Amino acid sequence: MAFYGRHEVAILIVILGLVTLATRAGGYLVLARFKHIPAPVQAGLEAVPAAVITTLVLPPALTAGPAEMIAMVVAGFACLRLPPIAVIVLGIGLLVVLRQLGL
């Protein structure tokens, strides 16, 4: 495993910040050229948050124990009716309770 000093970490943070800024500015500049965003593009952009959450949540939930799987399924059904913050609170709260029960 490689260990990095303060300077390397600071440089890496600055570079990653600039890359993030460039991708955000680039996306804005590309979309600013359109007066009307086509429906397929709009649908794709609206699907991005769900895709990001899925890539972050699904692998740990599937490789962990039954408590994580139960909390994920309940949160999945809850997101059909509840606002996102309520789903997050429900999912985390249920996971804490299930872990305390020994699942």
PDB file of N, CA and C in Angstrom:
ATOM      1  N   MET A   1       0.851  -1.172   0.000  1.00  0.00           N
ATOM      2  CA  MET A   1       0.000   0.000   0.000  1.00  0.00           C
ATOM      3  C   MET A   1       0.899   1.236   0.000  1.00  0.00           C
ATOM      4  N   ALA A   2       0.553   2.199  -0.805  1.00  0.00           N
ATOM      5  CA  ALA A   2       1.336   3.424  -0.905  1.00  0.00           C
ATOM      6  C   ALA A   2       0.852   4.450   0.112  1.00  0.00           C
ATOM      7  N   PHE A   3       1.801   5.146   0.700  1.00  0.00           N
ATOM      8  CA  PHE A   3       1.469   6.216   1.631  1.00  0.00           C
ATOM      9  C   PHE A   3       1.895   7.541   1.006  1.00  0.00           C
ATOM     10  N   TYR A   4       1.029   8.522   1.109  1.00  0.00           N
ATOM     11  CA  TYR A   4       1.279   9.806   0.484  1.00  0.00           C
ATOM     12  C   TYR A   4       1.429  10.866   1.555  1.00  0.00           C
ATOM     13  N   GLY A   5       2.279  11.863   1.274  1.00  0.00           N
ATOM     14  CA  GLY A   5       2.475  12.969   2.189  1.00  0.00           C
ATOM     15  C   GLY A   5       1.400  14.028   2.023  1.00  0.00           C
ATOM     16  N   ARG A   6       1.519  15.069   2.832  1.00  0.00           N
ATOM     17  CA  ARG A   6       0.527  16.150   2.804  1.00  0.00           C
ATOM     18  C   ARG A   6       0.472  16.843   1.446  1.00  0.00           C
ATOM     19  N   HIS A   7       1.635  17.046   0.845  1.00  0.00           N
ATOM     20  CA  HIS A   7       1.678  17.779  -0.420  1.00  0.00           C
ATOM     21  C   HIS A   7       1.007  16.986  -1.538  1.00  0.00           C
ATOM     22  N   GLU A   8       1.265  15.686  -1.589  1.00  0.00           N
ATOM     23  CA  GLU A   8       0.642  14.869  -2.624  1.00  0.00           C
ATOM     24  C   GLU A   8      -0.873  14.852  -2.472  1.00  0.00           C
ATOM     25  N   VAL A   9      -1.347  14.739  -1.238  1.00  0.00           N
ATOM     26  CA  VAL A   9      -2.789  14.723  -0.987  1.00  0.00           C
ATOM     27  C   VAL A   9      -3.402  16.068  -1.365  1.00  0.00           C
ATOM     28  N   ALA A  10      -2.740  17.162  -1.019  1.00  0.00           N
ATOM     29  CA  ALA A  10      -3.257  18.490  -1.355  1.00  0.00           C
ATOM     30  C   ALA A  10      -3.325  18.676  -2.868  1.00  0.00           C
ATOM     31  N   ILE A  11      -2.294  18.242  -3.568  1.00  0.00           N
ATOM     32  CA  ILE A  11      -2.284  18.345  -5.032  1.00  0.00           C
ATOM     33  C   ILE A  11      -3.404  17.496  -5.632  1.00  0.00           C
ATOM     34  N   LEU A  12      -3.587  16.301  -5.108  1.00  0.00           N
ATOM     35  CA  LEU A  12      -4.648  15.426  -5.597  1.00  0.00           C
ATOM     36  C   LEU A  12      -6.026  16.043  -5.376  1.00  0.00           C
ATOM     37  N   ILE A  13      -6.246  16.647  -4.228  1.00  0.00           N
ATOM     38  CA  ILE A  13      -7.529  17.293  -3.942  1.00  0.00           C
ATOM     39  C   ILE A  13      -7.776  18.443  -4.911  1.00  0.00           C
ATOM     40  N   VAL A  14      -6.758  19.244  -5.171  1.00  0.00           N
ATOM     41  CA  VAL A  14      -6.905  20.365  -6.103  1.00  0.00           C
ATOM     42  C   VAL A  14      -7.199  19.853  -7.515  1.00  0.00           C
ATOM     43  N   ILE A  15      -6.483  18.832  -7.947  1.00  0.00           N
ATOM     44  CA  ILE A  15      -6.707  18.285  -9.290  1.00  0.00           C
ATOM     45  C   ILE A  15      -8.115  17.721  -9.415  1.00  0.00           C
ATOM     46  N   LEU A  16      -8.557  16.965  -8.425  1.00  0.00           N
ATOM     47  CA  LEU A  16      -9.904  16.397  -8.477  1.00  0.00           C
ATOM     48  C   LEU A  16     -10.968  17.489  -8.430  1.00  0.00           C
ATOM     49  N   GLY A  17     -10.710  18.547  -7.679  1.00  0.00           N
ATOM     50  CA  GLY A  17     -11.639  19.675  -7.661  1.00  0.00           C
ATOM     51  C   GLY A  17     -11.735  20.345  -9.017  1.00  0.00           C
ATOM     52  N   LEU A  18     -10.598  20.511  -9.684  1.00  0.00           N
ATOM     53  CA  LEU A  18     -10.600  21.118 -11.019  1.00  0.00           C
ATOM     54  C   LEU A  18     -11.297  20.226 -12.045  1.00  0.00           C
ATOM     55  N   VAL A  19     -11.092  18.919 -11.938  1.00  0.00           N
ATOM     56  CA  VAL A  19     -11.778  17.995 -12.846  1.00  0.00           C
ATOM     57  C   VAL A  19     -13.283  18.060 -12.622  1.00  0.00           C
ATOM     58  N   THR A  20     -13.712  18.105 -11.362  1.00  0.00           N
ATOM     59  CA  THR A  20     -15.137  18.221 -11.056  1.00  0.00           C
ATOM     60  C   THR A  20     -15.702  19.516 -11.612  1.00  0.00           C
ATOM     61  N   LEU A  21     -14.987  20.610 -11.415  1.00  0.00           N
ATOM     62  CA  LEU A  21     -15.429  21.899 -11.938  1.00  0.00           C
ATOM     63  C   LEU A  21     -15.521  21.868 -13.462  1.00  0.00           C
ATOM     64  N   ALA A  22     -14.546  21.257 -14.103  1.00  0.00           N
ATOM     65  CA  ALA A  22     -14.546  21.188 -15.566  1.00  0.00           C
ATOM     66  C   ALA A  22     -15.724  20.367 -16.088  1.00  0.00           C
ATOM     67  N   THR A  23     -16.033  19.252 -15.436  1.00  0.00           N
ATOM     68  CA  THR A  23     -17.157  18.444 -15.913  1.00  0.00           C
ATOM     69  C   THR A  23     -18.483  19.158 -15.696  1.00  0.00           C
ATOM     70  N   ARG A  24     -18.609  19.852 -14.576  1.00  0.00           N
ATOM     71  CA  ARG A  24     -19.856  20.601 -14.340  1.00  0.00           C
ATOM     72  C   ARG A  24     -19.992  21.756 -15.329  1.00  0.00           C
ATOM     73  N   ALA A  25     -18.920  22.503 -15.533  1.00  0.00           N
ATOM     74  CA  ALA A  25     -18.968  23.626 -16.477  1.00  0.00           C
ATOM     75  C   ALA A  25     -19.192  23.113 -17.897  1.00  0.00           C
ATOM     76  N   GLY A  26     -18.533  22.011 -18.242  1.00  0.00           N
ATOM     77  CA  GLY A  26     -18.719  21.441 -19.576  1.00  0.00           C
ATOM     78  C   GLY A  26     -20.151  21.001 -19.810  1.00  0.00           C
ATOM     79  N   GLY A  27     -20.753  20.366 -18.817  1.00  0.00           N
ATOM     80  CA  GLY A  27     -22.152  19.966 -18.938  1.00  0.00           C
ATOM     81  C   GLY A  27     -23.067  21.157 -19.097  1.00  0.00           C
ATOM     82  N   TYR A  28     -22.804  22.196 -18.338  1.00  0.00           N
ATOM     83  CA  TYR A  28     -23.616  23.411 -18.450  1.00  0.00           C
ATOM     84  C   TYR A  28     -23.459  24.038 -19.832  1.00  0.00           C
ATOM     85  N   LEU A  29     -22.230  24.120 -20.314  1.00  0.00           N
ATOM     86  CA  LEU A  29     -21.992  24.736 -21.623  1.00  0.00           C
ATOM     87  C   LEU A  29     -22.631  23.931 -22.749  1.00  0.00           C
ATOM     88  N   VAL A  30     -22.604  22.620 -22.641  1.00  0.00           N
ATOM     89  CA  VAL A  30     -23.229  21.786 -23.672  1.00  0.00           C
ATOM     90  C   VAL A  30     -24.737  21.961 -23.648  1.00  0.00           C
ATOM     91  N   LEU A  31     -25.345  21.902 -22.456  1.00  0.00           N
ATOM     92  CA  LEU A  31     -26.804  22.015 -22.366  1.00  0.00           C
ATOM     93  C   LEU A  31     -27.290  23.431 -22.641  1.00  0.00           C
ATOM     94  N   ALA A  32     -26.445  24.440 -22.427  1.00  0.00           N
ATOM     95  CA  ALA A  32     -26.852  25.825 -22.663  1.00  0.00           C
ATOM     96  C   ALA A  32     -27.042  26.105 -24.153  1.00  0.00           C
ATOM     97  N   ARG A  33     -26.477  25.277 -25.000  1.00  0.00           N
ATOM     98  CA  ARG A  33     -26.621  25.468 -26.444  1.00  0.00           C
ATOM     99  C   ARG A  33     -28.016  25.126 -26.932  1.00  0.00           C
ATOM    100  N   PHE A  34     -28.763  24.360 -26.150  1.00  0.00           N
ATOM    101  CA  PHE A  34     -30.100  23.927 -26.572  1.00  0.00           C
ATOM    102  C   PHE A  34     -31.160  24.832 -25.972  1.00  0.00           C
ATOM    103  N   LYS A  35     -32.085  25.277 -26.806  1.00  0.00           N
ATOM    104  CA  LYS A  35     -33.223  26.040 -26.286  1.00  0.00           C
ATOM    105  C   LYS A  35     -34.236  25.090 -25.673  1.00  0.00           C
ATOM    106  N   HIS A  36     -34.318  23.899 -26.246  1.00  0.00           N
ATOM    107  CA  HIS A  36     -35.232  22.874 -25.740  1.00  0.00           C
ATOM    108  C   HIS A  36     -34.459  21.559 -25.668  1.00  0.00           C
ATOM    109  N   ILE A  37     -34.462  20.936 -24.515  1.00  0.00           N
ATOM    110  CA  ILE A  37     -33.771  19.660 -24.351  1.00  0.00           C
ATOM    111  C   ILE A  37     -34.696  18.556 -24.855  1.00  0.00           C
ATOM    112  N   PRO A  38     -34.218  17.717 -25.765  1.00  0.00           N
ATOM    113  CA  PRO A  38     -35.059  16.629 -26.286  1.00  0.00           C
ATOM    114  C   PRO A  38     -35.522  15.690 -25.166  1.00  0.00           C
ATOM    115  N   ALA A  39     -36.687  15.104 -25.353  1.00  0.00           N
ATOM    116  CA  ALA A  39     -37.285  14.239 -24.328  1.00  0.00           C
ATOM    117  C   ALA A  39     -36.379  13.073 -23.929  1.00  0.00           C
ATOM    118  N   PRO A  40     -35.721  12.374 -24.864  1.00  0.00           N
ATOM    119  CA  PRO A  40     -34.847  11.276 -24.438  1.00  0.00           C
ATOM    120  C   PRO A  40     -33.673  11.751 -23.574  1.00  0.00           C
ATOM    121  N   VAL A  41     -33.122  12.916 -23.908  1.00  0.00           N
ATOM    122  CA  VAL A  41     -32.021  13.465 -23.109  1.00  0.00           C
ATOM    123  C   VAL A  41     -32.520  13.844 -21.724  1.00  0.00           C
ATOM    124  N   GLN A  42     -33.689  14.471 -21.660  1.00  0.00           N
ATOM    125  CA  GLN A  42     -34.284  14.848 -20.374  1.00  0.00           C
ATOM    126  C   GLN A  42     -34.537  13.609 -19.518  1.00  0.00           C
ATOM    127  N   ALA A  43     -35.053  12.549 -20.128  1.00  0.00           N
ATOM    128  CA  ALA A  43     -35.307  11.307 -19.394  1.00  0.00           C
ATOM    129  C   ALA A  43     -34.000  10.709 -18.878  1.00  0.00           C
ATOM    130  N   GLY A  44     -32.959  10.767 -19.693  1.00  0.00           N
ATOM    131  CA  GLY A  44     -31.659  10.264 -19.259  1.00  0.00           C
ATOM    132  C   GLY A  44     -31.093  11.057 -18.099  1.00  0.00           C
ATOM    133  N   LEU A  45     -31.223  12.381 -18.160  1.00  0.00           N
ATOM    134  CA  LEU A  45     -30.733  13.227 -17.074  1.00  0.00           C
ATOM    135  C   LEU A  45     -31.512  12.987 -15.785  1.00  0.00           C
ATOM    136  N   GLU A  46     -32.805  12.729 -15.906  1.00  0.00           N
ATOM    137  CA  GLU A  46     -33.613  12.469 -14.718  1.00  0.00           C
ATOM    138  C   GLU A  46     -33.301  11.110 -14.105  1.00  0.00           C
ATOM    139  N   ALA A  47     -32.734  10.190 -14.882  1.00  0.00           N
ATOM    140  CA  ALA A  47     -32.394   8.863 -14.374  1.00  0.00           C
ATOM    141  C   ALA A  47     -31.040   8.828 -13.677  1.00  0.00           C
ATOM    142  N   VAL A  48     -30.232   9.859 -13.827  1.00  0.00           N
ATOM    143  CA  VAL A  48     -28.887   9.862 -13.252  1.00  0.00           C
ATOM    144  C   VAL A  48     -28.891   9.725 -11.726  1.00  0.00           C
ATOM    145  N   PRO A  49     -29.703  10.478 -10.973  1.00  0.00           N
ATOM    146  CA  PRO A  49     -29.664  10.312  -9.512  1.00  0.00           C
ATOM    147  C   PRO A  49     -29.982   8.886  -9.056  1.00  0.00           C
ATOM    148  N   ALA A  50     -30.965   8.243  -9.678  1.00  0.00           N
ATOM    149  CA  ALA A  50     -31.298   6.864  -9.305  1.00  0.00           C
ATOM    150  C   ALA A  50     -30.140   5.924  -9.626  1.00  0.00           C
ATOM    151  N   ALA A  51     -29.471   6.153 -10.740  1.00  0.00           N
ATOM    152  CA  ALA A  51     -28.339   5.308 -11.111  1.00  0.00           C
ATOM    153  C   ALA A  51     -27.181   5.477 -10.139  1.00  0.00           C
ATOM    154  N   VAL A  52     -26.923   6.699  -9.727  1.00  0.00           N
ATOM    155  CA  VAL A  52     -25.831   6.955  -8.781  1.00  0.00           C
ATOM    156  C   VAL A  52     -26.134   6.309  -7.436  1.00  0.00           C
ATOM    157  N   ILE A  53     -27.357   6.484  -6.942  1.00  0.00           N
ATOM    158  CA  ILE A  53     -27.735   5.883  -5.655  1.00  0.00           C
ATOM    159  C   ILE A  53     -27.641   4.364  -5.743  1.00  0.00           C
ATOM    160  N   THR A  54     -28.072   3.801  -6.859  1.00  0.00           N
ATOM    161  CA  THR A  54     -28.014   2.350  -7.022  1.00  0.00           C
ATOM    162  C   THR A  54     -26.577   1.852  -6.982  1.00  0.00           C
ATOM    163  N   THR A  55     -25.672   2.540  -7.659  1.00  0.00           N
ATOM    164  CA  THR A  55     -24.279   2.094  -7.669  1.00  0.00           C
ATOM    165  C   THR A  55     -23.620   2.240  -6.308  1.00  0.00           C
ATOM    166  N   LEU A  56     -24.092   3.154  -5.486  1.00  0.00           N
ATOM    167  CA  LEU A  56     -23.513   3.328  -4.157  1.00  0.00           C
ATOM    168  C   LEU A  56     -24.117   2.382  -3.127  1.00  0.00           C
ATOM    169  N   VAL A  57     -25.399   2.084  -3.245  1.00  0.00           N
ATOM    170  CA  VAL A  57     -26.107   1.338  -2.203  1.00  0.00           C
ATOM    171  C   VAL A  57     -26.164  -0.162  -2.482  1.00  0.00           C
ATOM    172  N   LEU A  58     -26.378  -0.553  -3.706  1.00  0.00           N
ATOM    173  CA  LEU A  58     -26.638  -1.951  -4.018  1.00  0.00           C
ATOM    174  C   LEU A  58     -25.476  -2.899  -3.699  1.00  0.00           C
ATOM    175  N   PRO A  59     -24.237  -2.638  -4.113  1.00  0.00           N
ATOM    176  CA  PRO A  59     -23.173  -3.608  -3.818  1.00  0.00           C
ATOM    177  C   PRO A  59     -22.983  -3.893  -2.326  1.00  0.00           C
ATOM    178  N   PRO A  60     -22.902  -2.872  -1.452  1.00  0.00           N
ATOM    179  CA  PRO A  60     -22.766  -3.206  -0.027  1.00  0.00           C
ATOM    180  C   PRO A  60     -23.994  -3.919   0.529  1.00  0.00           C
ATOM    181  N   ALA A  61     -25.174  -3.559   0.049  1.00  0.00           N
ATOM    182  CA  ALA A  61     -26.395  -4.189   0.567  1.00  0.00           C
ATOM    183  C   ALA A  61     -26.462  -5.659   0.170  1.00  0.00           C
ATOM    184  N   LEU A  62     -26.019  -5.992  -1.023  1.00  0.00           N
ATOM    185  CA  LEU A  62     -26.085  -7.376  -1.481  1.00  0.00           C
ATOM    186  C   LEU A  62     -24.996  -8.247  -0.877  1.00  0.00           C
ATOM    187  N   THR A  63     -23.882  -7.664  -0.493  1.00  0.00           N
ATOM    188  CA  THR A  63     -22.791  -8.453   0.077  1.00  0.00           C
ATOM    189  C   THR A  63     -22.828  -8.469   1.595  1.00  0.00           C
ATOM    190  N   ALA A  64     -23.706  -7.705   2.203  1.00  0.00           N
ATOM    191  CA  ALA A  64     -23.807  -7.670   3.663  1.00  0.00           C
ATOM    192  C   ALA A  64     -24.854  -8.687   4.121  1.00  0.00           C
ATOM    193  N   GLY A  65     -25.283  -8.544   5.353  1.00  0.00           N
ATOM    194  CA  GLY A  65     -26.210  -9.507   5.938  1.00  0.00           C
ATOM    195  C   GLY A  65     -27.664  -9.236   5.617  1.00  0.00           C
ATOM    196  N   PRO A  66     -28.543  -9.988   6.265  1.00  0.00           N
ATOM    197  CA  PRO A  66     -29.975  -9.850   6.000  1.00  0.00           C
ATOM    198  C   PRO A  66     -30.554  -8.507   6.454  1.00  0.00           C
ATOM    199  N   ALA A  67     -29.968  -7.885   7.462  1.00  0.00           N
ATOM    200  CA  ALA A  67     -30.476  -6.590   7.930  1.00  0.00           C
ATOM    201  C   ALA A  67     -30.388  -5.549   6.823  1.00  0.00           C
ATOM    202  N   GLU A  68     -29.275  -5.525   6.119  1.00  0.00           N
ATOM    203  CA  GLU A  68     -29.099  -4.568   5.032  1.00  0.00           C
ATOM    204  C   GLU A  68     -30.073  -4.842   3.893  1.00  0.00           C
ATOM    205  N   MET A  69     -30.275  -6.127   3.585  1.00  0.00           N
ATOM    206  CA  MET A  69     -31.198  -6.485   2.504  1.00  0.00           C
ATOM    207  C   MET A  69     -32.631  -6.092   2.855  1.00  0.00           C
ATOM    208  N   ILE A  70     -33.052  -6.357   4.088  1.00  0.00           N
ATOM    209  CA  ILE A  70     -34.412  -6.000   4.514  1.00  0.00           C
ATOM    210  C   ILE A  70     -34.598  -4.489   4.467  1.00  0.00           C
ATOM    211  N   ALA A  71     -33.624  -3.745   4.994  1.00  0.00           N
ATOM    212  CA  ALA A  71     -33.720  -2.283   4.993  1.00  0.00           C
ATOM    213  C   ALA A  71     -33.760  -1.739   3.569  1.00  0.00           C
ATOM    214  N   MET A  72     -32.990  -2.347   2.672  1.00  0.00           N
ATOM    215  CA  MET A  72     -32.979  -1.891   1.285  1.00  0.00           C
ATOM    216  C   MET A  72     -34.325  -2.145   0.608  1.00  0.00           C
ATOM    217  N   VAL A  73     -34.915  -3.306   0.835  1.00  0.00           N
ATOM    218  CA  VAL A  73     -36.206  -3.623   0.218  1.00  0.00           C
ATOM    219  C   VAL A  73     -37.297  -2.698   0.748  1.00  0.00           C
ATOM    220  N   VAL A  74     -37.319  -2.485   2.070  1.00  0.00           N
ATOM    221  CA  VAL A  74     -38.323  -1.592   2.662  1.00  0.00           C
ATOM    222  C   VAL A  74     -38.146  -0.169   2.128  1.00  0.00           C
ATOM    223  N   ALA A  75     -36.904   0.303   2.059  1.00  0.00           N
ATOM    224  CA  ALA A  75     -36.655   1.648   1.533  1.00  0.00           C
ATOM    225  C   ALA A  75     -37.036   1.733   0.058  1.00  0.00           C
ATOM    226  N   GLY A  76     -36.815   0.652  -0.683  1.00  0.00           N
ATOM    227  CA  GLY A  76     -37.201   0.637  -2.091  1.00  0.00           C
ATOM    228  C   GLY A  76     -38.699   0.808  -2.282  1.00  0.00           C
ATOM    229  N   PHE A  77     -39.477   0.114  -1.461  1.00  0.00           N
ATOM    230  CA  PHE A  77     -40.933   0.279  -1.542  1.00  0.00           C
ATOM    231  C   PHE A  77     -41.368   1.636  -1.006  1.00  0.00           C
ATOM    232  N   ALA A  78     -40.685   2.123   0.029  1.00  0.00           N
ATOM    233  CA  ALA A  78     -41.054   3.415   0.617  1.00  0.00           C
ATOM    234  C   ALA A  78     -40.812   4.562  -0.355  1.00  0.00           C
ATOM    235  N   CYS A  79     -39.814   4.430  -1.220  1.00  0.00           N
ATOM    236  CA  CYS A  79     -39.510   5.526  -2.147  1.00  0.00           C
ATOM    237  C   CYS A  79     -40.603   5.717  -3.191  1.00  0.00           C
ATOM    238  N   LEU A  80     -41.513   4.766  -3.291  1.00  0.00           N
ATOM    239  CA  LEU A  80     -42.634   4.934  -4.214  1.00  0.00           C
ATOM    240  C   LEU A  80     -43.669   5.910  -3.677  1.00  0.00           C
ATOM    241  N   ARG A  81     -43.684   6.133  -2.360  1.00  0.00           N
ATOM    242  CA  ARG A  81     -44.703   6.986  -1.744  1.00  0.00           C
ATOM    243  C   ARG A  81     -44.151   8.147  -0.922  1.00  0.00           C
ATOM    244  N   LEU A  82     -42.935   8.025  -0.418  1.00  0.00           N
ATOM    245  CA  LEU A  82     -42.396   9.022   0.510  1.00  0.00           C
ATOM    246  C   LEU A  82     -41.353   9.902  -0.166  1.00  0.00           C
ATOM    247  N   PRO A  83     -41.130  11.103   0.380  1.00  0.00           N
ATOM    248  CA  PRO A  83     -40.053  11.954  -0.139  1.00  0.00           C
ATOM    249  C   PRO A  83     -38.682  11.345   0.184  1.00  0.00           C
ATOM    250  N   PRO A  84     -37.654  11.713  -0.574  1.00  0.00           N
ATOM    251  CA  PRO A  84     -36.332  11.103  -0.401  1.00  0.00           C
ATOM    252  C   PRO A  84     -35.780  11.169   1.022  1.00  0.00           C
ATOM    253  N   ILE A  85     -35.923  12.302   1.701  1.00  0.00           N
ATOM    254  CA  ILE A  85     -35.351  12.394   3.048  1.00  0.00           C
ATOM    255  C   ILE A  85     -36.049  11.427   3.998  1.00  0.00           C
ATOM    256  N   ALA A  86     -37.352  11.224   3.827  1.00  0.00           N
ATOM    257  CA  ALA A  86     -38.082  10.273   4.670  1.00  0.00           C
ATOM    258  C   ALA A  86     -37.619   8.845   4.397  1.00  0.00           C
ATOM    259  N   VAL A  87     -37.335   8.535   3.141  1.00  0.00           N
ATOM    260  CA  VAL A  87     -36.850   7.199   2.787  1.00  0.00           C
ATOM    261  C   VAL A  87     -35.480   6.958   3.409  1.00  0.00           C
ATOM    262  N   ILE A  88     -34.618   7.954   3.373  1.00  0.00           N
ATOM    263  CA  ILE A  88     -33.285   7.822   3.965  1.00  0.00           C
ATOM    264  C   ILE A  88     -33.392   7.596   5.463  1.00  0.00           C
ATOM    265  N   VAL A  89     -34.208   8.397   6.133  1.00  0.00           N
ATOM    266  CA  VAL A  89     -34.380   8.251   7.585  1.00  0.00           C
ATOM    267  C   VAL A  89     -34.974   6.882   7.907  1.00  0.00           C
ATOM    268  N   LEU A  90     -35.978   6.465   7.158  1.00  0.00           N
ATOM    269  CA  LEU A  90     -36.604   5.163   7.380  1.00  0.00           C
ATOM    270  C   LEU A  90     -35.603   4.029   7.176  1.00  0.00           C
ATOM    271  N   GLY A  91     -34.860   4.073   6.085  1.00  0.00           N
ATOM    272  CA  GLY A  91     -33.897   3.015   5.789  1.00  0.00           C
ATOM    273  C   GLY A  91     -32.803   2.910   6.836  1.00  0.00           C
ATOM    274  N   ILE A  92     -32.233   4.038   7.219  1.00  0.00           N
ATOM    275  CA  ILE A  92     -31.169   4.025   8.230  1.00  0.00           C
ATOM    276  C   ILE A  92     -31.728   3.605   9.581  1.00  0.00           C
ATOM    277  N   GLY A  93     -32.898   4.142   9.940  1.00  0.00           N
ATOM    278  CA  GLY A  93     -33.514   3.774  11.213  1.00  0.00           C
ATOM    279  C   GLY A  93     -33.819   2.293  11.289  1.00  0.00           C
ATOM    280  N   LEU A  94     -34.383   1.742  10.225  1.00  0.00           N
ATOM    281  CA  LEU A  94     -34.687   0.316  10.197  1.00  0.00           C
ATOM    282  C   LEU A  94     -33.414  -0.514  10.272  1.00  0.00           C
ATOM    283  N   LEU A  95     -32.375  -0.094   9.582  1.00  0.00           N
ATOM    284  CA  LEU A  95     -31.109  -0.818   9.626  1.00  0.00           C
ATOM    285  C   LEU A  95     -30.531  -0.831  11.035  1.00  0.00           C
ATOM    286  N   VAL A  96     -30.593   0.291  11.728  1.00  0.00           N
ATOM    287  CA  VAL A  96     -30.091   0.357  13.107  1.00  0.00           C
ATOM    288  C   VAL A  96     -30.871  -0.602  14.000  1.00  0.00           C
ATOM    289  N   VAL A  97     -32.200  -0.582  13.874  1.00  0.00           N
ATOM    290  CA  VAL A  97     -33.039  -1.462  14.700  1.00  0.00           C
ATOM    291  C   VAL A  97     -32.744  -2.929  14.399  1.00  0.00           C
ATOM    292  N   LEU A  98     -32.655  -3.274  13.120  1.00  0.00           N
ATOM    293  CA  LEU A  98     -32.393  -4.666  12.757  1.00  0.00           C
ATOM    294  C   LEU A  98     -31.028  -5.131  13.240  1.00  0.00           C
ATOM    295  N   ARG A  99     -30.035  -4.270  13.169  1.00  0.00           N
ATOM    296  CA  ARG A  99     -28.707  -4.644  13.674  1.00  0.00           C
ATOM    297  C   ARG A  99     -28.719  -4.819  15.184  1.00  0.00           C
ATOM    298  N   GLN A 100     -29.487  -3.993  15.885  1.00  0.00           N
ATOM    299  CA  GLN A 100     -29.593  -4.136  17.336  1.00  0.00           C
ATOM    300  C   GLN A 100     -30.309  -5.436  17.710  1.00  0.00           C
ATOM    301  N   LEU A 101     -31.205  -5.896  16.849  1.00  0.00           N
ATOM    302  CA  LEU A 101     -31.904  -7.160  17.090  1.00  0.00           C
ATOM    303  C   LEU A 101     -31.047  -8.373  16.727  1.00  0.00           C
ATOM    304  N   GLY A 102     -29.892  -8.117  16.143  1.00  0.00           N
ATOM    305  CA  GLY A 102     -28.963  -9.200  15.846  1.00  0.00           C
ATOM    306  C   GLY A 102     -29.067  -9.787  14.451  1.00  0.00           C
ATOM    307  N   LEU A 103     -29.765  -9.141  13.574  1.00  0.00           N
ATOM    308  CA  LEU A 103     -29.845  -9.647  12.194  1.00  0.00           C
ATOM    309  C   LEU A 103     -28.626  -9.271  11.392  1.00  0.00           C
TER     310      LEU A 103
END
